[in-house]
């Protein structure tokens, strides 16, 4: 997951929330249908960003597990090399 994608989506959500707040502050310029559409779009945006963050957390957990497996394999190979007979060389 590219962090720029998450940043762009978070910025888009921020922009939508800011726009909604401006509409609510000036009720004579906004109407309830427009507000409802903005609220739905913001909710959908939060769901997409949440899914991206959850996906990034899964990717991070998988990367950590892979790194730990690689470290364990390296430690095992080192142990075999260091503790083995000189004939290994």
PDB file of N, CA and C in Angstrom:
ATOM      1  N   UNK A   1       0.848  -1.175   0.000  1.00  0.00           N
ATOM      2  CA  UNK A   1       0.000   0.000   0.000  1.00  0.00           C
ATOM      3  C   UNK A   1       0.888   1.231   0.000  1.00  0.00           C
ATOM      4  N   UNK A   2       0.671   2.099  -0.945  1.00  0.00           N
ATOM      5  CA  UNK A   2       1.461   3.311  -1.071  1.00  0.00           C
ATOM      6  C   UNK A   2       0.937   4.359  -0.085  1.00  0.00           C
ATOM      7  N   UNK A   3       1.783   4.872   0.808  1.00  0.00           N
ATOM      8  CA  UNK A   3       1.329   5.879   1.777  1.00  0.00           C
ATOM      9  C   UNK A   3       0.764   7.124   1.112  1.00  0.00           C
ATOM     10  N   UNK A   4       1.220   7.426  -0.113  1.00  0.00           N
ATOM     11  CA  UNK A   4       0.679   8.602  -0.807  1.00  0.00           C
ATOM     12  C   UNK A   4      -0.801   8.429  -1.106  1.00  0.00           C
ATOM     13  N   UNK A   5      -1.231   7.192  -1.420  1.00  0.00           N
ATOM     14  CA  UNK A   5      -2.649   6.936  -1.675  1.00  0.00           C
ATOM     15  C   UNK A   5      -3.472   7.238  -0.433  1.00  0.00           C
ATOM     16  N   UNK A   6      -2.977   6.794   0.714  1.00  0.00           N
ATOM     17  CA  UNK A   6      -3.688   7.053   1.965  1.00  0.00           C
ATOM     18  C   UNK A   6      -3.717   8.550   2.241  1.00  0.00           C
ATOM     19  N   UNK A   7      -2.572   9.225   2.061  1.00  0.00           N
ATOM     20  CA  UNK A   7      -2.531  10.668   2.297  1.00  0.00           C
ATOM     21  C   UNK A   7      -3.500  11.414   1.392  1.00  0.00           C
ATOM     22  N   UNK A   8      -3.569  11.021   0.114  1.00  0.00           N
ATOM     23  CA  UNK A   8      -4.478  11.682  -0.822  1.00  0.00           C
ATOM     24  C   UNK A   8      -5.927  11.474  -0.405  1.00  0.00           C
ATOM     25  N   UNK A   9      -6.249  10.263   0.009  1.00  0.00           N
ATOM     26  CA  UNK A   9      -7.635   9.996   0.415  1.00  0.00           C
ATOM     27  C   UNK A   9      -7.990  10.727   1.701  1.00  0.00           C
ATOM     28  N   UNK A  10      -7.054  10.781   2.636  1.00  0.00           N
ATOM     29  CA  UNK A  10      -7.305  11.515   3.879  1.00  0.00           C
ATOM     30  C   UNK A  10      -7.481  13.001   3.567  1.00  0.00           C
ATOM     31  N   UNK A  11      -6.662  13.541   2.672  1.00  0.00           N
ATOM     32  CA  UNK A  11      -6.798  14.948   2.291  1.00  0.00           C
ATOM     33  C   UNK A  11      -8.144  15.189   1.622  1.00  0.00           C
ATOM     34  N   UNK A  12      -8.582  14.283   0.764  1.00  0.00           N
ATOM     35  CA  UNK A  12      -9.886  14.424   0.110  1.00  0.00           C
ATOM     36  C   UNK A  12     -11.012  14.412   1.146  1.00  0.00           C
ATOM     37  N   UNK A  13     -10.893  13.525   2.147  1.00  0.00           N
ATOM     38  CA  UNK A  13     -11.894  13.500   3.215  1.00  0.00           C
ATOM     39  C   UNK A  13     -11.895  14.810   3.995  1.00  0.00           C
ATOM     40  N   UNK A  14     -10.715  15.306   4.299  1.00  0.00           N
ATOM     41  CA  UNK A  14     -10.609  16.572   5.027  1.00  0.00           C
ATOM     42  C   UNK A  14     -11.292  17.687   4.231  1.00  0.00           C
ATOM     43  N   UNK A  15     -11.041  17.716   2.936  1.00  0.00           N
ATOM     44  CA  UNK A  15     -11.652  18.737   2.088  1.00  0.00           C
ATOM     45  C   UNK A  15     -13.175  18.625   2.096  1.00  0.00           C
ATOM     46  N   UNK A  16     -13.690  17.386   2.046  1.00  0.00           N
ATOM     47  CA  UNK A  16     -15.147  17.194   2.050  1.00  0.00           C
ATOM     48  C   UNK A  16     -15.742  17.613   3.386  1.00  0.00           C
ATOM     49  N   UNK A  17     -15.085  17.248   4.481  1.00  0.00           N
ATOM     50  CA  UNK A  17     -15.591  17.625   5.805  1.00  0.00           C
ATOM     51  C   UNK A  17     -15.579  19.139   5.943  1.00  0.00           C
ATOM     52  N   UNK A  18     -14.522  19.771   5.482  1.00  0.00           N
ATOM     53  CA  UNK A  18     -14.437  21.235   5.529  1.00  0.00           C
ATOM     54  C   UNK A  18     -15.568  21.859   4.726  1.00  0.00           C
ATOM     55  N   UNK A  19     -15.834  21.309   3.540  1.00  0.00           N
ATOM     56  CA  UNK A  19     -16.919  21.821   2.704  1.00  0.00           C
ATOM     57  C   UNK A  19     -18.265  21.649   3.414  1.00  0.00           C
ATOM     58  N   UNK A  20     -18.485  20.496   4.021  1.00  0.00           N
ATOM     59  CA  UNK A  20     -19.737  20.259   4.742  1.00  0.00           C
ATOM     60  C   UNK A  20     -19.896  21.250   5.886  1.00  0.00           C
ATOM     61  N   UNK A  21     -18.822  21.482   6.619  1.00  0.00           N
ATOM     62  CA  UNK A  21     -18.907  22.436   7.732  1.00  0.00           C
ATOM     63  C   UNK A  21     -19.255  23.832   7.240  1.00  0.00           C
ATOM     64  N   UNK A  22     -18.687  24.224   6.090  1.00  0.00           N
ATOM     65  CA  UNK A  22     -19.033  25.527   5.522  1.00  0.00           C
ATOM     66  C   UNK A  22     -20.516  25.577   5.134  1.00  0.00           C
ATOM     67  N   UNK A  23     -21.033  24.478   4.577  1.00  0.00           N
ATOM     68  CA  UNK A  23     -22.447  24.432   4.208  1.00  0.00           C
ATOM     69  C   UNK A  23     -23.339  24.551   5.442  1.00  0.00           C
ATOM     70  N   UNK A  24     -22.956  23.874   6.522  1.00  0.00           N
ATOM     71  CA  UNK A  24     -23.757  23.901   7.738  1.00  0.00           C
ATOM     72  C   UNK A  24     -23.698  25.278   8.390  1.00  0.00           C
ATOM     73  N   UNK A  25     -22.541  25.934   8.324  1.00  0.00           N
ATOM     74  CA  UNK A  25     -22.398  27.259   8.923  1.00  0.00           C
ATOM     75  C   UNK A  25     -23.218  28.305   8.184  1.00  0.00           C
ATOM     76  N   UNK A  26     -23.477  28.078   6.908  1.00  0.00           N
ATOM     77  CA  UNK A  26     -24.239  29.046   6.113  1.00  0.00           C
ATOM     78  C   UNK A  26     -25.518  28.383   5.604  1.00  0.00           C
ATOM     79  N   UNK A  27     -26.497  28.180   6.472  1.00  0.00           N
ATOM     80  CA  UNK A  27     -27.678  27.431   6.074  1.00  0.00           C
ATOM     81  C   UNK A  27     -28.454  28.056   4.927  1.00  0.00           C
ATOM     82  N   UNK A  28     -28.357  29.367   4.750  1.00  0.00           N
ATOM     83  CA  UNK A  28     -29.093  29.987   3.658  1.00  0.00           C
ATOM     84  C   UNK A  28     -28.533  29.567   2.300  1.00  0.00           C
ATOM     85  N   UNK A  29     -27.273  29.141   2.249  1.00  0.00           N
ATOM     86  CA  UNK A  29     -26.669  28.749   0.974  1.00  0.00           C
ATOM     87  C   UNK A  29     -26.750  27.243   0.729  1.00  0.00           C
ATOM     88  N   UNK A  30     -26.972  26.460   1.770  1.00  0.00           N
ATOM     89  CA  UNK A  30     -27.009  25.011   1.609  1.00  0.00           C
ATOM     90  C   UNK A  30     -28.412  24.481   1.833  1.00  0.00           C
ATOM     91  N   UNK A  31     -28.637  23.281   1.389  1.00  0.00           N
ATOM     92  CA  UNK A  31     -29.923  22.663   1.678  1.00  0.00           C
ATOM     93  C   UNK A  31     -29.687  21.272   2.243  1.00  0.00           C
ATOM     94  N   UNK A  32     -30.717  20.684   2.797  1.00  0.00           N
ATOM     95  CA  UNK A  32     -30.565  19.402   3.478  1.00  0.00           C
ATOM     96  C   UNK A  32     -30.148  18.285   2.529  1.00  0.00           C
ATOM     97  N   UNK A  33     -30.630  18.316   1.301  1.00  0.00           N
ATOM     98  CA  UNK A  33     -30.242  17.278   0.342  1.00  0.00           C
ATOM     99  C   UNK A  33     -28.744  17.339   0.050  1.00  0.00           C
ATOM    100  N   UNK A  34     -28.227  18.544  -0.093  1.00  0.00           N
ATOM    101  CA  UNK A  34     -26.796  18.705  -0.350  1.00  0.00           C
ATOM    102  C   UNK A  34     -25.985  18.232   0.857  1.00  0.00           C
ATOM    103  N   UNK A  35     -26.460  18.567   2.063  1.00  0.00           N
ATOM    104  CA  UNK A  35     -25.773  18.126   3.272  1.00  0.00           C
ATOM    105  C   UNK A  35     -25.781  16.607   3.361  1.00  0.00           C
ATOM    106  N   UNK A  36     -26.931  16.001   3.090  1.00  0.00           N
ATOM    107  CA  UNK A  36     -27.046  14.547   3.166  1.00  0.00           C
ATOM    108  C   UNK A  36     -26.105  13.872   2.171  1.00  0.00           C
ATOM    109  N   UNK A  37     -26.000  14.427   0.983  1.00  0.00           N
ATOM    110  CA  UNK A  37     -25.090  13.863  -0.021  1.00  0.00           C
ATOM    111  C   UNK A  37     -23.650  13.953   0.452  1.00  0.00           C
ATOM    112  N   UNK A  38     -23.286  15.064   1.050  1.00  0.00           N
ATOM    113  CA  UNK A  38     -21.927  15.229   1.562  1.00  0.00           C
ATOM    114  C   UNK A  38     -21.657  14.247   2.696  1.00  0.00           C
ATOM    115  N   UNK A  39     -22.611  14.092   3.599  1.00  0.00           N
ATOM    116  CA  UNK A  39     -22.433  13.170   4.729  1.00  0.00           C
ATOM    117  C   UNK A  39     -22.249  11.740   4.207  1.00  0.00           C
ATOM    118  N   UNK A  40     -23.043  11.336   3.208  1.00  0.00           N
ATOM    119  CA  UNK A  40     -22.890   9.996   2.634  1.00  0.00           C
ATOM    120  C   UNK A  40     -21.510   9.836   1.986  1.00  0.00           C
ATOM    121  N   UNK A  41     -21.080  10.850   1.242  1.00  0.00           N
ATOM    122  CA  UNK A  41     -19.772  10.779   0.583  1.00  0.00           C
ATOM    123  C   UNK A  41     -18.651  10.706   1.616  1.00  0.00           C
ATOM    124  N   UNK A  42     -18.778  11.461   2.690  1.00  0.00           N
ATOM    125  CA  UNK A  42     -17.762  11.437   3.748  1.00  0.00           C
ATOM    126  C   UNK A  42     -17.739  10.067   4.416  1.00  0.00           C
ATOM    127  N   UNK A  43     -18.906   9.505   4.702  1.00  0.00           N
ATOM    128  CA  UNK A  43     -18.968   8.172   5.309  1.00  0.00           C
ATOM    129  C   UNK A  43     -18.314   7.128   4.420  1.00  0.00           C
ATOM    130  N   UNK A  44     -18.603   7.193   3.128  1.00  0.00           N
ATOM    131  CA  UNK A  44     -17.992   6.243   2.190  1.00  0.00           C
ATOM    132  C   UNK A  44     -16.482   6.444   2.129  1.00  0.00           C
ATOM    133  N   UNK A  45     -16.050   7.682   2.181  1.00  0.00           N
ATOM    134  CA  UNK A  45     -14.611   7.963   2.167  1.00  0.00           C
ATOM    135  C   UNK A  45     -13.914   7.406   3.393  1.00  0.00           C
ATOM    136  N   UNK A  46     -14.539   7.578   4.553  1.00  0.00           N
ATOM    137  CA  UNK A  46     -13.959   7.018   5.770  1.00  0.00           C
ATOM    138  C   UNK A  46     -13.884   5.505   5.697  1.00  0.00           C
ATOM    139  N   UNK A  47     -14.882   4.881   5.116  1.00  0.00           N
ATOM    140  CA  UNK A  47     -14.848   3.427   4.968  1.00  0.00           C
ATOM    141  C   UNK A  47     -13.695   3.002   4.066  1.00  0.00           C
ATOM    142  N   UNK A  48     -13.486   3.718   2.953  1.00  0.00           N
ATOM    143  CA  UNK A  48     -12.380   3.372   2.047  1.00  0.00           C
ATOM    144  C   UNK A  48     -11.029   3.562   2.721  1.00  0.00           C
ATOM    145  N   UNK A  49     -10.863   4.683   3.422  1.00  0.00           N
ATOM    146  CA  UNK A  49      -9.593   4.935   4.108  1.00  0.00           C
ATOM    147  C   UNK A  49      -9.385   3.896   5.210  1.00  0.00           C
ATOM    148  N   UNK A  50     -10.443   3.564   5.930  1.00  0.00           N
ATOM    149  CA  UNK A  50     -10.335   2.542   6.968  1.00  0.00           C
ATOM    150  C   UNK A  50      -9.904   1.204   6.395  1.00  0.00           C
ATOM    151  N   UNK A  51     -10.471   0.845   5.248  1.00  0.00           N
ATOM    152  CA  UNK A  51     -10.082  -0.415   4.601  1.00  0.00           C
ATOM    153  C   UNK A  51      -8.624  -0.375   4.177  1.00  0.00           C
ATOM    154  N   UNK A  52      -8.169   0.774   3.668  1.00  0.00           N
ATOM    155  CA  UNK A  52      -6.770   0.902   3.268  1.00  0.00           C
ATOM    156  C   UNK A  52      -5.846   0.764   4.473  1.00  0.00           C
ATOM    157  N   UNK A  53      -6.209   1.389   5.589  1.00  0.00           N
ATOM    158  CA  UNK A  53      -5.384   1.317   6.794  1.00  0.00           C
ATOM    159  C   UNK A  53      -5.355  -0.114   7.331  1.00  0.00           C
ATOM    160  N   UNK A  54      -6.523  -0.784   7.333  1.00  0.00           N
ATOM    161  CA  UNK A  54      -6.550  -2.180   7.777  1.00  0.00           C
ATOM    162  C   UNK A  54      -5.689  -3.050   6.867  1.00  0.00           C
ATOM    163  N   UNK A  55      -5.748  -2.806   5.559  1.00  0.00           N
ATOM    164  CA  UNK A  55      -4.912  -3.556   4.620  1.00  0.00           C
ATOM    165  C   UNK A  55      -3.435  -3.307   4.872  1.00  0.00           C
ATOM    166  N   UNK A  56      -3.088  -2.061   5.163  1.00  0.00           N
ATOM    167  CA  UNK A  56      -1.691  -1.738   5.453  1.00  0.00           C
ATOM    168  C   UNK A  56      -1.243  -2.419   6.740  1.00  0.00           C
ATOM    169  N   UNK A  57      -2.124  -2.519   7.723  1.00  0.00           N
ATOM    170  CA  UNK A  57      -1.779  -3.202   8.978  1.00  0.00           C
ATOM    171  C   UNK A  57      -1.534  -4.688   8.724  1.00  0.00           C
ATOM    172  N   UNK A  58      -2.339  -5.300   7.874  1.00  0.00           N
ATOM    173  CA  UNK A  58      -2.140  -6.720   7.532  1.00  0.00           C
ATOM    174  C   UNK A  58      -0.811  -6.883   6.796  1.00  0.00           C
ATOM    175  N   UNK A  59      -0.537  -5.985   5.828  1.00  0.00           N
ATOM    176  CA  UNK A  59       0.736  -6.046   5.102  1.00  0.00           C
ATOM    177  C   UNK A  59       1.919  -5.914   6.054  1.00  0.00           C
ATOM    178  N   UNK A  60       1.801  -5.018   7.021  1.00  0.00           N
ATOM    179  CA  UNK A  60       2.875  -4.820   7.996  1.00  0.00           C
ATOM    180  C   UNK A  60       3.074  -6.067   8.841  1.00  0.00           C
ATOM    181  N   UNK A  61       1.983  -6.678   9.286  1.00  0.00           N
ATOM    182  CA  UNK A  61       2.094  -7.895  10.089  1.00  0.00           C
ATOM    183  C   UNK A  61       2.741  -9.018   9.286  1.00  0.00           C
ATOM    184  N   UNK A  62       2.377  -9.143   8.010  1.00  0.00           N
ATOM    185  CA  UNK A  62       2.979 -10.168   7.153  1.00  0.00           C
ATOM    186  C   UNK A  62       4.465  -9.893   6.941  1.00  0.00           C
ATOM    187  N   UNK A  63       4.818  -8.628   6.750  1.00  0.00           N
ATOM    188  CA  UNK A  63       6.228  -8.275   6.564  1.00  0.00           C
ATOM    189  C   UNK A  63       7.033  -8.572   7.828  1.00  0.00           C
ATOM    190  N   UNK A  64       6.456  -8.289   8.976  1.00  0.00           N
ATOM    191  CA  UNK A  64       7.147  -8.587  10.236  1.00  0.00           C
ATOM    192  C   UNK A  64       7.342 -10.084  10.410  1.00  0.00           C
ATOM    193  N   UNK A  65       6.316 -10.866  10.090  1.00  0.00           N
ATOM    194  CA  UNK A  65       6.423 -12.324  10.208  1.00  0.00           C
ATOM    195  C   UNK A  65       7.489 -12.858   9.256  1.00  0.00           C
ATOM    196  N   UNK A  66       7.531 -12.332   8.044  1.00  0.00           N
ATOM    197  CA  UNK A  66       8.539 -12.763   7.073  1.00  0.00           C
ATOM    198  C   UNK A  66       9.944 -12.398   7.554  1.00  0.00           C
ATOM    199  N   UNK A  67      10.079 -11.205   8.123  1.00  0.00           N
ATOM    200  CA  UNK A  67      11.388 -10.788   8.637  1.00  0.00           C
ATOM    201  C   UNK A  67      11.826 -11.676   9.782  1.00  0.00           C
ATOM    202  N   UNK A  68      10.902 -12.005  10.685  1.00  0.00           N
ATOM    203  CA  UNK A  68      11.243 -12.881  11.806  1.00  0.00           C
ATOM    204  C   UNK A  68      11.630 -14.273  11.316  1.00  0.00           C
ATOM    205  N   UNK A  69      10.938 -14.780  10.298  1.00  0.00           N
ATOM    206  CA  UNK A  69      11.275 -16.096   9.732  1.00  0.00           C
ATOM    207  C   UNK A  69      12.665 -16.053   9.092  1.00  0.00           C
ATOM    208  N   UNK A  70      12.979 -14.967   8.399  1.00  0.00           N
ATOM    209  CA  UNK A  70      14.295 -14.826   7.773  1.00  0.00           C
ATOM    210  C   UNK A  70      15.393 -14.756   8.833  1.00  0.00           C
ATOM    211  N   UNK A  71      15.131 -14.017   9.918  1.00  0.00           N
ATOM    212  CA  UNK A  71      16.118 -13.938  10.998  1.00  0.00           C
ATOM    213  C   UNK A  71      16.331 -15.304  11.650  1.00  0.00           C
ATOM    214  N   UNK A  72      15.255 -16.054  11.833  1.00  0.00           N
ATOM    215  CA  UNK A  72      15.368 -17.387  12.433  1.00  0.00           C
ATOM    216  C   UNK A  72      16.168 -18.314  11.517  1.00  0.00           C
ATOM    217  N   UNK A  73      15.912 -18.259  10.214  1.00  0.00           N
ATOM    218  CA  UNK A  73      16.650 -19.094   9.262  1.00  0.00           C
ATOM    219  C   UNK A  73      18.122 -18.703   9.243  1.00  0.00           C
ATOM    220  N   UNK A  74      18.406 -17.408   9.278  1.00  0.00           N
ATOM    221  CA  UNK A  74      19.788 -16.948   9.298  1.00  0.00           C
ATOM    222  C   UNK A  74      20.500 -17.425  10.564  1.00  0.00           C
ATOM    223  N   UNK A  75      19.825 -17.323  11.694  1.00  0.00           N
ATOM    224  CA  UNK A  75      20.426 -17.782  12.955  1.00  0.00           C
ATOM    225  C   UNK A  75      20.713 -19.276  12.899  1.00  0.00           C
ATOM    226  N   UNK A  76      19.818 -20.046  12.306  1.00  0.00           N
ATOM    227  CA  UNK A  76      20.027 -21.490  12.185  1.00  0.00           C
ATOM    228  C   UNK A  76      21.221 -21.788  11.273  1.00  0.00           C
ATOM    229  N   UNK A  77      21.319 -21.084  10.167  1.00  0.00           N
ATOM    230  CA  UNK A  77      22.450 -21.298   9.257  1.00  0.00           C
ATOM    231  C   UNK A  77      23.772 -20.906   9.912  1.00  0.00           C
ATOM    232  N   UNK A  78      23.747 -19.805  10.655  1.00  0.00           N
ATOM    233  CA  UNK A  78      24.964 -19.393  11.378  1.00  0.00           C
ATOM    234  C   UNK A  78      25.380 -20.459  12.386  1.00  0.00           C
ATOM    235  N   UNK A  79      24.394 -20.978  13.121  1.00  0.00           N
ATOM    236  CA  UNK A  79      24.683 -21.993  14.117  1.00  0.00           C
ATOM    237  C   UNK A  79      25.291 -23.227  13.456  1.00  0.00           C
ATOM    238  N   UNK A  80      24.712 -23.663  12.341  1.00  0.00           N
ATOM    239  CA  UNK A  80      25.257 -24.819  11.629  1.00  0.00           C
ATOM    240  C   UNK A  80      26.680 -24.554  11.136  1.00  0.00           C
ATOM    241  N   UNK A  81      26.918 -23.368  10.627  1.00  0.00           N
ATOM    242  CA  UNK A  81      28.239 -23.029  10.097  1.00  0.00           C
ATOM    243  C   UNK A  81      29.266 -22.935  11.218  1.00  0.00           C
ATOM    244  N   UNK A  82      28.910 -22.257  12.305  1.00  0.00           N
ATOM    245  CA  UNK A  82      29.870 -22.042  13.389  1.00  0.00           C
ATOM    246  C   UNK A  82      30.113 -23.306  14.221  1.00  0.00           C
ATOM    247  N   UNK A  83      29.076 -24.122  14.399  1.00  0.00           N
ATOM    248  CA  UNK A  83      29.198 -25.301  15.241  1.00  0.00           C
ATOM    249  C   UNK A  83      29.569 -26.560  14.444  1.00  0.00           C
ATOM    250  N   UNK A  84      29.545 -26.484  13.140  1.00  0.00           N
ATOM    251  CA  UNK A  84      29.810 -27.646  12.318  1.00  0.00           C
ATOM    252  C   UNK A  84      31.302 -27.949  12.214  1.00  0.00           C
ATOM    253  N   UNK A  85      31.619 -29.107  11.667  1.00  0.00           N
ATOM    254  CA  UNK A  85      33.040 -29.444  11.510  1.00  0.00           C
ATOM    255  C   UNK A  85      33.697 -28.557  10.452  1.00  0.00           C
ATOM    256  N   UNK A  86      35.011 -28.506  10.505  1.00  0.00           N
ATOM    257  CA  UNK A  86      35.768 -27.685   9.568  1.00  0.00           C
ATOM    258  C   UNK A  86      35.580 -28.136   8.123  1.00  0.00           C
ATOM    259  N   UNK A  87      35.130 -29.328   7.896  1.00  0.00           N
ATOM    260  CA  UNK A  87      34.912 -29.841   6.553  1.00  0.00           C
ATOM    261  C   UNK A  87      33.844 -29.067   5.789  1.00  0.00           C
ATOM    262  N   UNK A  88      33.017 -28.294   6.480  1.00  0.00           N
ATOM    263  CA  UNK A  88      31.986 -27.484   5.806  1.00  0.00           C
ATOM    264  C   UNK A  88      32.607 -26.440   4.909  1.00  0.00           C
ATOM    265  N   UNK A  89      33.774 -25.975   5.289  1.00  0.00           N
ATOM    266  CA  UNK A  89      34.428 -24.908   4.543  1.00  0.00           C
ATOM    267  C   UNK A  89      34.889 -25.451   3.222  1.00  0.00           C
TER     268      UNK A  89
END
